[in-house]
Amino acid sequence: MHTLVRVENANCTYCLNDVRDELLSRPLVRAVTMSAVAGCIDVEHDHDDPTALTEVLSTSLHGWQVASNAEIVMVTTTAEPSDECRWHHQ
């Protein structure tokens, strides 16, 4: 089974790598591919609840942006299941 999740503002590469490792540590997850540029993560898994995968992404991913005073600040991310992604072309 594949679950495709679109993520907004997930441009922290350290966070993405940590989340990939966290997802791969789940016993029913077989593969994880992601693109920060396209804003999507594809999880190949066996009988794992897609909602649980989305919750892991929502609570673990972070992003950053430059504030109006030129300071780099952390921003929240949004993760939601999707049927298409410009990187995966699904």
PDB file of N, CA and C in Angstrom:
ATOM      1  N   MET A   1       0.832  -1.164   0.000  1.00  0.00           N
ATOM      2  CA  MET A   1       0.000   0.000   0.000  1.00  0.00           C
ATOM      3  C   MET A   1       0.886   1.239   0.000  1.00  0.00           C
ATOM      4  N   HIS A   2       0.463   2.259  -0.743  1.00  0.00           N
ATOM      5  CA  HIS A   2       1.180   3.530  -0.776  1.00  0.00           C
ATOM      6  C   HIS A   2       0.309   4.613  -0.162  1.00  0.00           C
ATOM      7  N   THR A   3       0.929   5.423   0.659  1.00  0.00           N
ATOM      8  CA  THR A   3       0.260   6.610   1.174  1.00  0.00           C
ATOM      9  C   THR A   3       1.092   7.807   0.741  1.00  0.00           C
ATOM     10  N   LEU A   4       0.479   8.693  -0.003  1.00  0.00           N
ATOM     11  CA  LEU A   4       1.134   9.901  -0.464  1.00  0.00           C
ATOM     12  C   LEU A   4       0.672  11.051   0.420  1.00  0.00           C
ATOM     13  N   VAL A   5       1.629  11.773   0.990  1.00  0.00           N
ATOM     14  CA  VAL A   5       1.309  12.860   1.902  1.00  0.00           C
ATOM     15  C   VAL A   5       1.951  14.144   1.388  1.00  0.00           C
ATOM     16  N   ARG A   6       1.119  15.171   1.234  1.00  0.00           N
ATOM     17  CA  ARG A   6       1.641  16.487   0.869  1.00  0.00           C
ATOM     18  C   ARG A   6       1.988  17.226   2.149  1.00  0.00           C
ATOM     19  N   VAL A   7       3.147  17.860   2.154  1.00  0.00           N
ATOM     20  CA  VAL A   7       3.579  18.619   3.325  1.00  0.00           C
ATOM     21  C   VAL A   7       3.910  20.047   2.893  1.00  0.00           C
ATOM     22  N   GLU A   8       3.370  20.988   3.628  1.00  0.00           N
ATOM     23  CA  GLU A   8       3.622  22.400   3.355  1.00  0.00           C
ATOM     24  C   GLU A   8       4.675  22.900   4.333  1.00  0.00           C
ATOM     25  N   ASN A   9       5.622  23.670   3.860  1.00  0.00           N
ATOM     26  CA  ASN A   9       6.664  24.313   4.674  1.00  0.00           C
ATOM     27  C   ASN A   9       7.669  23.339   5.275  1.00  0.00           C
ATOM     28  N   ALA A  10       7.764  22.131   4.773  1.00  0.00           N
ATOM     29  CA  ALA A  10       8.725  21.162   5.322  1.00  0.00           C
ATOM     30  C   ALA A  10      10.034  21.276   4.559  1.00  0.00           C
ATOM     31  N   ASN A  11      10.808  22.294   4.883  1.00  0.00           N
ATOM     32  CA  ASN A  11      12.058  22.517   4.170  1.00  0.00           C
ATOM     33  C   ASN A  11      13.288  22.335   5.055  1.00  0.00           C
ATOM     34  N   CYS A  12      13.097  21.792   6.233  1.00  0.00           N
ATOM     35  CA  CYS A  12      14.207  21.500   7.136  1.00  0.00           C
ATOM     36  C   CYS A  12      14.736  20.106   6.784  1.00  0.00           C
ATOM     37  N   THR A  13      15.894  20.055   6.123  1.00  0.00           N
ATOM     38  CA  THR A  13      16.413  18.765   5.664  1.00  0.00           C
ATOM     39  C   THR A  13      16.762  17.843   6.828  1.00  0.00           C
ATOM     40  N   TYR A  14      17.239  18.397   7.928  1.00  0.00           N
ATOM     41  CA  TYR A  14      17.526  17.561   9.094  1.00  0.00           C
ATOM     42  C   TYR A  14      16.245  16.904   9.601  1.00  0.00           C
ATOM     43  N   CYS A  15      15.166  17.688   9.645  1.00  0.00           N
ATOM     44  CA  CYS A  15      13.877  17.157  10.100  1.00  0.00           C
ATOM     45  C   CYS A  15      13.378  16.071   9.145  1.00  0.00           C
ATOM     46  N   LEU A  16      13.514  16.316   7.842  1.00  0.00           N
ATOM     47  CA  LEU A  16      13.071  15.332   6.855  1.00  0.00           C
ATOM     48  C   LEU A  16      13.832  14.019   7.012  1.00  0.00           C
ATOM     49  N   ASN A  17      15.127  14.098   7.217  1.00  0.00           N
ATOM     50  CA  ASN A  17      15.921  12.883   7.400  1.00  0.00           C
ATOM     51  C   ASN A  17      15.525  12.150   8.674  1.00  0.00           C
ATOM     52  N   ASP A  18      15.281  12.890   9.746  1.00  0.00           N
ATOM     53  CA  ASP A  18      14.846  12.267  11.003  1.00  0.00           C
ATOM     54  C   ASP A  18      13.494  11.591  10.844  1.00  0.00           C
ATOM     55  N   VAL A  19      12.574  12.249  10.145  1.00  0.00           N
ATOM     56  CA  VAL A  19      11.239  11.682   9.939  1.00  0.00           C
ATOM     57  C   VAL A  19      11.326  10.444   9.064  1.00  0.00           C
ATOM     58  N   ARG A  20      12.171  10.487   8.041  1.00  0.00           N
ATOM     59  CA  ARG A  20      12.354   9.306   7.185  1.00  0.00           C
ATOM     60  C   ARG A  20      12.832   8.127   8.026  1.00  0.00           C
ATOM     61  N   ASP A  21      13.820   8.362   8.876  1.00  0.00           N
ATOM     62  CA  ASP A  21      14.323   7.299   9.754  1.00  0.00           C
ATOM     63  C   ASP A  21      13.241   6.814  10.716  1.00  0.00           C
ATOM     64  N   GLU A  22      12.468   7.742  11.253  1.00  0.00           N
ATOM     65  CA  GLU A  22      11.397   7.371  12.179  1.00  0.00           C
ATOM     66  C   GLU A  22      10.342   6.517  11.484  1.00  0.00           C
ATOM     67  N   LEU A  23       9.964   6.896  10.271  1.00  0.00           N
ATOM     68  CA  LEU A  23       8.977   6.110   9.531  1.00  0.00           C
ATOM     69  C   LEU A  23       9.528   4.729   9.179  1.00  0.00           C
ATOM     70  N   LEU A  24      10.789   4.675   8.754  1.00  0.00           N
ATOM     71  CA  LEU A  24      11.385   3.385   8.395  1.00  0.00           C
ATOM     72  C   LEU A  24      11.550   2.463   9.598  1.00  0.00           C
ATOM     73  N   SER A  25      11.561   3.014  10.799  1.00  0.00           N
ATOM     74  CA  SER A  25      11.685   2.176  11.992  1.00  0.00           C
ATOM     75  C   SER A  25      10.363   1.498  12.346  1.00  0.00           C
ATOM     76  N   ARG A  26       9.268   1.961  11.750  1.00  0.00           N
ATOM     77  CA  ARG A  26       7.968   1.320  11.994  1.00  0.00           C
ATOM     78  C   ARG A  26       7.986  -0.055  11.330  1.00  0.00           C
ATOM     79  N   PRO A  27       7.514  -1.085  12.002  1.00  0.00           N
ATOM     80  CA  PRO A  27       7.635  -2.450  11.480  1.00  0.00           C
ATOM     81  C   PRO A  27       6.903  -2.691  10.156  1.00  0.00           C
ATOM     82  N   LEU A  28       5.869  -1.948   9.850  1.00  0.00           N
ATOM     83  CA  LEU A  28       5.103  -2.205   8.634  1.00  0.00           C
ATOM     84  C   LEU A  28       5.465  -1.280   7.477  1.00  0.00           C
ATOM     85  N   VAL A  29       6.434  -0.397   7.676  1.00  0.00           N
ATOM     86  CA  VAL A  29       6.848   0.520   6.613  1.00  0.00           C
ATOM     87  C   VAL A  29       8.013  -0.115   5.857  1.00  0.00           C
ATOM     88  N   ARG A  30       7.852  -0.196   4.521  1.00  0.00           N
ATOM     89  CA  ARG A  30       8.884  -0.820   3.680  1.00  0.00           C
ATOM     90  C   ARG A  30       9.792   0.180   3.012  1.00  0.00           C
ATOM     91  N   ALA A  31       9.267   1.351   2.621  1.00  0.00           N
ATOM     92  CA  ALA A  31      10.085   2.339   1.915  1.00  0.00           C
ATOM     93  C   ALA A  31       9.488   3.728   2.100  1.00  0.00           C
ATOM     94  N   VAL A  32      10.373   4.722   2.050  1.00  0.00           N
ATOM     95  CA  VAL A  32       9.950   6.115   2.153  1.00  0.00           C
ATOM     96  C   VAL A  32      10.733   6.914   1.124  1.00  0.00           C
ATOM     97  N   THR A  33      10.029   7.607   0.253  1.00  0.00           N
ATOM     98  CA  THR A  33      10.670   8.533  -0.679  1.00  0.00           C
ATOM     99  C   THR A  33      10.066   9.901  -0.453  1.00  0.00           C
ATOM    100  N   MET A  34      10.908  10.922  -0.592  1.00  0.00           N
ATOM    101  CA  MET A  34      10.408  12.262  -0.311  1.00  0.00           C
ATOM    102  C   MET A  34      11.115  13.300  -1.159  1.00  0.00           C
ATOM    103  N   SER A  35      10.424  14.416  -1.295  1.00  0.00           N
ATOM    104  CA  SER A  35      10.987  15.564  -1.984  1.00  0.00           C
ATOM    105  C   SER A  35      10.560  16.824  -1.245  1.00  0.00           C
ATOM    106  N   ALA A  36      11.516  17.533  -0.649  1.00  0.00           N
ATOM    107  CA  ALA A  36      11.201  18.779   0.045  1.00  0.00           C
ATOM    108  C   ALA A  36      10.771  19.837  -0.957  1.00  0.00           C
ATOM    109  N   VAL A  37      11.370  19.817  -2.142  1.00  0.00           N
ATOM    110  CA  VAL A  37      11.036  20.803  -3.160  1.00  0.00           C
ATOM    111  C   VAL A  37       9.592  20.647  -3.621  1.00  0.00           C
ATOM    112  N   ALA A  38       9.180  19.413  -3.868  1.00  0.00           N
ATOM    113  CA  ALA A  38       7.806  19.162  -4.323  1.00  0.00           C
ATOM    114  C   ALA A  38       6.821  19.145  -3.162  1.00  0.00           C
ATOM    115  N   GLY A  39       7.322  18.989  -1.958  1.00  0.00           N
ATOM    116  CA  GLY A  39       6.460  18.986  -0.787  1.00  0.00           C
ATOM    117  C   GLY A  39       5.626  17.732  -0.633  1.00  0.00           C
ATOM    118  N   CYS A  40       6.237  16.565  -0.905  1.00  0.00           N
ATOM    119  CA  CYS A  40       5.474  15.335  -0.729  1.00  0.00           C
ATOM    120  C   CYS A  40       6.367  14.189  -0.257  1.00  0.00           C
ATOM    121  N   ILE A  41       5.709  13.268   0.435  1.00  0.00           N
ATOM    122  CA  ILE A  41       6.369  12.077   0.957  1.00  0.00           C
ATOM    123  C   ILE A  41       5.513  10.881   0.571  1.00  0.00           C
ATOM    124  N   ASP A  42       6.162   9.863  -0.005  1.00  0.00           N
ATOM    125  CA  ASP A  42       5.474   8.639  -0.405  1.00  0.00           C
ATOM    126  C   ASP A  42       5.946   7.519   0.510  1.00  0.00           C
ATOM    127  N   VAL A  43       4.992   6.904   1.209  1.00  0.00           N
ATOM    128  CA  VAL A  43       5.315   5.833   2.147  1.00  0.00           C
ATOM    129  C   VAL A  43       4.711   4.539   1.632  1.00  0.00           C
ATOM    130  N   GLU A  44       5.559   3.549   1.432  1.00  0.00           N
ATOM    131  CA  GLU A  44       5.105   2.214   1.043  1.00  0.00           C
ATOM    132  C   GLU A  44       5.040   1.379   2.311  1.00  0.00           C
ATOM    133  N   HIS A  45       3.859   0.826   2.595  1.00  0.00           N
ATOM    134  CA  HIS A  45       3.679   0.140   3.869  1.00  0.00           C
ATOM    135  C   HIS A  45       2.648  -0.973   3.744  1.00  0.00           C
ATOM    136  N   ASP A  46       2.632  -1.818   4.760  1.00  0.00           N
ATOM    137  CA  ASP A  46       1.695  -2.932   4.835  1.00  0.00           C
ATOM    138  C   ASP A  46       0.737  -2.720   6.003  1.00  0.00           C
ATOM    139  N   HIS A  47      -0.500  -2.464   5.710  1.00  0.00           N
ATOM    140  CA  HIS A  47      -1.572  -2.414   6.704  1.00  0.00           C
ATOM    141  C   HIS A  47      -1.345  -1.429   7.843  1.00  0.00           C
ATOM    142  N   ASP A  48      -0.529  -0.438   7.650  1.00  0.00           N
ATOM    143  CA  ASP A  48      -0.356   0.579   8.672  1.00  0.00           C
ATOM    144  C   ASP A  48      -1.402   1.652   8.445  1.00  0.00           C
ATOM    145  N   ASP A  49      -1.897   2.228   9.490  1.00  0.00           N
ATOM    146  CA  ASP A  49      -2.934   3.240   9.402  1.00  0.00           C
ATOM    147  C   ASP A  49      -2.365   4.522   8.787  1.00  0.00           C
ATOM    148  N   PRO A  50      -2.859   4.944   7.617  1.00  0.00           N
ATOM    149  CA  PRO A  50      -2.357   6.175   6.994  1.00  0.00           C
ATOM    150  C   PRO A  50      -2.503   7.396   7.905  1.00  0.00           C
ATOM    151  N   THR A  51      -3.508   7.400   8.762  1.00  0.00           N
ATOM    152  CA  THR A  51      -3.686   8.515   9.689  1.00  0.00           C
ATOM    153  C   THR A  51      -2.514   8.589  10.667  1.00  0.00           C
ATOM    154  N   ALA A  52      -2.055   7.445  11.131  1.00  0.00           N
ATOM    155  CA  ALA A  52      -0.912   7.410  12.044  1.00  0.00           C
ATOM    156  C   ALA A  52       0.343   7.941  11.362  1.00  0.00           C
ATOM    157  N   LEU A  53       0.524   7.609  10.091  1.00  0.00           N
ATOM    158  CA  LEU A  53       1.674   8.120   9.348  1.00  0.00           C
ATOM    159  C   LEU A  53       1.602   9.639   9.226  1.00  0.00           C
ATOM    160  N   THR A  54       0.425  10.158   8.938  1.00  0.00           N
ATOM    161  CA  THR A  54       0.242  11.598   8.816  1.00  0.00           C
ATOM    162  C   THR A  54       0.507  12.290  10.146  1.00  0.00           C
ATOM    163  N   GLU A  55       0.090  11.678  11.246  1.00  0.00           N
ATOM    164  CA  GLU A  55       0.332  12.258  12.567  1.00  0.00           C
ATOM    165  C   GLU A  55       1.819  12.331  12.883  1.00  0.00           C
ATOM    166  N   VAL A  56       2.567  11.290  12.515  1.00  0.00           N
ATOM    167  CA  VAL A  56       4.015  11.307  12.716  1.00  0.00           C
ATOM    168  C   VAL A  56       4.617  12.488  11.955  1.00  0.00           C
ATOM    169  N   LEU A  57       4.182  12.686  10.726  1.00  0.00           N
ATOM    170  CA  LEU A  57       4.708  13.777   9.918  1.00  0.00           C
ATOM    171  C   LEU A  57       4.312  15.138  10.479  1.00  0.00           C
ATOM    172  N   SER A  58       3.080  15.255  10.927  1.00  0.00           N
ATOM    173  CA  SER A  58       2.599  16.541  11.450  1.00  0.00           C
ATOM    174  C   SER A  58       3.318  16.960  12.720  1.00  0.00           C
ATOM    175  N   THR A  59       3.667  15.996  13.562  1.00  0.00           N
ATOM    176  CA  THR A  59       4.299  16.339  14.830  1.00  0.00           C
ATOM    177  C   THR A  59       5.820  16.409  14.746  1.00  0.00           C
ATOM    178  N   SER A  60       6.429  15.829  13.724  1.00  0.00           N
ATOM    179  CA  SER A  60       7.886  15.749  13.670  1.00  0.00           C
ATOM    180  C   SER A  60       8.536  16.687  12.663  1.00  0.00           C
ATOM    181  N   LEU A  61       7.806  17.119  11.664  1.00  0.00           N
ATOM    182  CA  LEU A  61       8.409  17.977  10.639  1.00  0.00           C
ATOM    183  C   LEU A  61       8.364  19.447  11.035  1.00  0.00           C
ATOM    184  N   HIS A  62       9.387  20.161  10.621  1.00  0.00           N
ATOM    185  CA  HIS A  62       9.452  21.599  10.832  1.00  0.00           C
ATOM    186  C   HIS A  62       9.929  22.256   9.541  1.00  0.00           C
ATOM    187  N   GLY A  63       9.718  23.518   9.476  1.00  0.00           N
ATOM    188  CA  GLY A  63      10.218  24.290   8.349  1.00  0.00           C
ATOM    189  C   GLY A  63      10.828  25.575   8.860  1.00  0.00           C
ATOM    190  N   TRP A  64      11.400  26.326   7.967  1.00  0.00           N
ATOM    191  CA  TRP A  64      11.956  27.617   8.340  1.00  0.00           C
ATOM    192  C   TRP A  64      11.652  28.609   7.242  1.00  0.00           C
ATOM    193  N   GLN A  65      11.663  29.861   7.621  1.00  0.00           N
ATOM    194  CA  GLN A  65      11.510  30.934   6.651  1.00  0.00           C
ATOM    195  C   GLN A  65      12.199  32.168   7.196  1.00  0.00           C
ATOM    196  N   VAL A  66      12.446  33.113   6.332  1.00  0.00           N
ATOM    197  CA  VAL A  66      13.089  34.357   6.728  1.00  0.00           C
ATOM    198  C   VAL A  66      11.996  35.355   7.087  1.00  0.00           C
ATOM    199  N   ALA A  67      12.050  35.866   8.314  1.00  0.00           N
ATOM    200  CA  ALA A  67      11.070  36.838   8.790  1.00  0.00           C
ATOM    201  C   ALA A  67      11.377  38.217   8.203  1.00  0.00           C
ATOM    202  N   SER A  68      10.480  39.152   8.406  1.00  0.00           N
ATOM    203  CA  SER A  68      10.642  40.498   7.850  1.00  0.00           C
ATOM    204  C   SER A  68      11.871  41.223   8.402  1.00  0.00           C
ATOM    205  N   ASN A  69      12.352  40.797   9.572  1.00  0.00           N
ATOM    206  CA  ASN A  69      13.557  41.410  10.133  1.00  0.00           C
ATOM    207  C   ASN A  69      14.827  40.649   9.737  1.00  0.00           C
ATOM    208  N   ALA A  70      14.705  39.754   8.769  1.00  0.00           N
ATOM    209  CA  ALA A  70      15.799  38.941   8.224  1.00  0.00           C
ATOM    210  C   ALA A  70      16.245  37.826   9.165  1.00  0.00           C
ATOM    211  N   GLU A  71      15.494  37.591  10.211  1.00  0.00           N
ATOM    212  CA  GLU A  71      15.793  36.495  11.131  1.00  0.00           C
ATOM    213  C   GLU A  71      15.178  35.210  10.592  1.00  0.00           C
ATOM    214  N   ILE A  72      15.895  34.093  10.723  1.00  0.00           N
ATOM    215  CA  ILE A  72      15.367  32.793  10.313  1.00  0.00           C
ATOM    216  C   ILE A  72      14.536  32.247  11.467  1.00  0.00           C
ATOM    217  N   VAL A  73      13.290  31.898  11.178  1.00  0.00           N
ATOM    218  CA  VAL A  73      12.375  31.411  12.205  1.00  0.00           C
ATOM    219  C   VAL A  73      11.792  30.070  11.784  1.00  0.00           C
ATOM    220  N   MET A  74      11.454  29.251  12.791  1.00  0.00           N
ATOM    221  CA  MET A  74      10.805  27.973  12.531  1.00  0.00           C
ATOM    222  C   MET A  74       9.327  28.215  12.245  1.00  0.00           C
ATOM    223  N   VAL A  75       8.779  27.441  11.334  1.00  0.00           N
ATOM    224  CA  VAL A  75       7.356  27.531  11.013  1.00  0.00           C
ATOM    225  C   VAL A  75       6.743  26.150  11.127  1.00  0.00           C
ATOM    226  N   THR A  76       5.444  26.123  11.348  1.00  0.00           N
ATOM    227  CA  THR A  76       4.759  24.845  11.440  1.00  0.00           C
ATOM    228  C   THR A  76       4.560  24.265  10.050  1.00  0.00           C
ATOM    229  N   THR A  77       4.399  22.971  10.007  1.00  0.00           N
ATOM    230  CA  THR A  77       4.131  22.282   8.749  1.00  0.00           C
ATOM    231  C   THR A  77       2.726  21.710   8.788  1.00  0.00           C
ATOM    232  N   THR A  78       2.199  21.477   7.618  1.00  0.00           N
ATOM    233  CA  THR A  78       0.906  20.838   7.480  1.00  0.00           C
ATOM    234  C   THR A  78       1.108  19.571   6.667  1.00  0.00           C
ATOM    235  N   ALA A  79       0.634  18.448   7.182  1.00  0.00           N
ATOM    236  CA  ALA A  79       0.733  17.172   6.463  1.00  0.00           C
ATOM    237  C   ALA A  79      -0.669  16.629   6.268  1.00  0.00           C
ATOM    238  N   GLU A  80      -0.984  16.291   5.018  1.00  0.00           N
ATOM    239  CA  GLU A  80      -2.297  15.714   4.744  1.00  0.00           C
ATOM    240  C   GLU A  80      -2.200  14.733   3.587  1.00  0.00           C
ATOM    241  N   PRO A  81      -2.968  13.647   3.663  1.00  0.00           N
ATOM    242  CA  PRO A  81      -2.966  12.667   2.572  1.00  0.00           C
ATOM    243  C   PRO A  81      -3.386  13.335   1.266  1.00  0.00           C
ATOM    244  N   SER A  82      -2.820  12.849   0.166  1.00  0.00           N
ATOM    245  CA  SER A  82      -3.102  13.442  -1.133  1.00  0.00           C
ATOM    246  C   SER A  82      -3.142  12.352  -2.200  1.00  0.00           C
ATOM    247  N   ASP A  83      -3.771  12.669  -3.316  1.00  0.00           N
ATOM    248  CA  ASP A  83      -3.814  11.746  -4.449  1.00  0.00           C
ATOM    249  C   ASP A  83      -2.769  12.061  -5.498  1.00  0.00           C
ATOM    250  N   GLU A  84      -2.177  13.248  -5.410  1.00  0.00           N
ATOM    251  CA  GLU A  84      -1.197  13.607  -6.430  1.00  0.00           C
ATOM    252  C   GLU A  84      -0.092  14.469  -5.851  1.00  0.00           C
ATOM    253  N   CYS A  85       1.022  14.437  -6.535  1.00  0.00           N
ATOM    254  CA  CYS A  85       2.190  15.207  -6.158  1.00  0.00           C
ATOM    255  C   CYS A  85       2.948  15.528  -7.438  1.00  0.00           C
ATOM    256  N   ARG A  86       3.423  16.730  -7.572  1.00  0.00           N
ATOM    257  CA  ARG A  86       4.097  17.096  -8.824  1.00  0.00           C
ATOM    258  C   ARG A  86       5.406  16.342  -9.027  1.00  0.00           C
ATOM    259  N   TRP A  87       5.987  15.797  -7.947  1.00  0.00           N
ATOM    260  CA  TRP A  87       7.211  15.011  -8.074  1.00  0.00           C
ATOM    261  C   TRP A  87       6.888  13.563  -8.426  1.00  0.00           C
ATOM    262  N   HIS A  88       5.887  12.973  -7.763  1.00  0.00           N
ATOM    263  CA  HIS A  88       5.545  11.577  -7.995  1.00  0.00           C
ATOM    264  C   HIS A  88       4.627  11.392  -9.207  1.00  0.00           C
ATOM    265  N   HIS A  89       3.997  12.449  -9.664  1.00  0.00           N
ATOM    266  CA  HIS A  89       3.084  12.384 -10.824  1.00  0.00           C
ATOM    267  C   HIS A  89       2.031  11.310 -10.672  1.00  0.00           C
ATOM    268  N   GLN A  90       1.394  11.268  -9.515  1.00  0.00           N
ATOM    269  CA  GLN A  90       0.365  10.263  -9.281  1.00  0.00           C
ATOM    270  C   GLN A  90      -0.994  10.922  -9.333  1.00  0.00           C
TER     271      GLN A  90
END
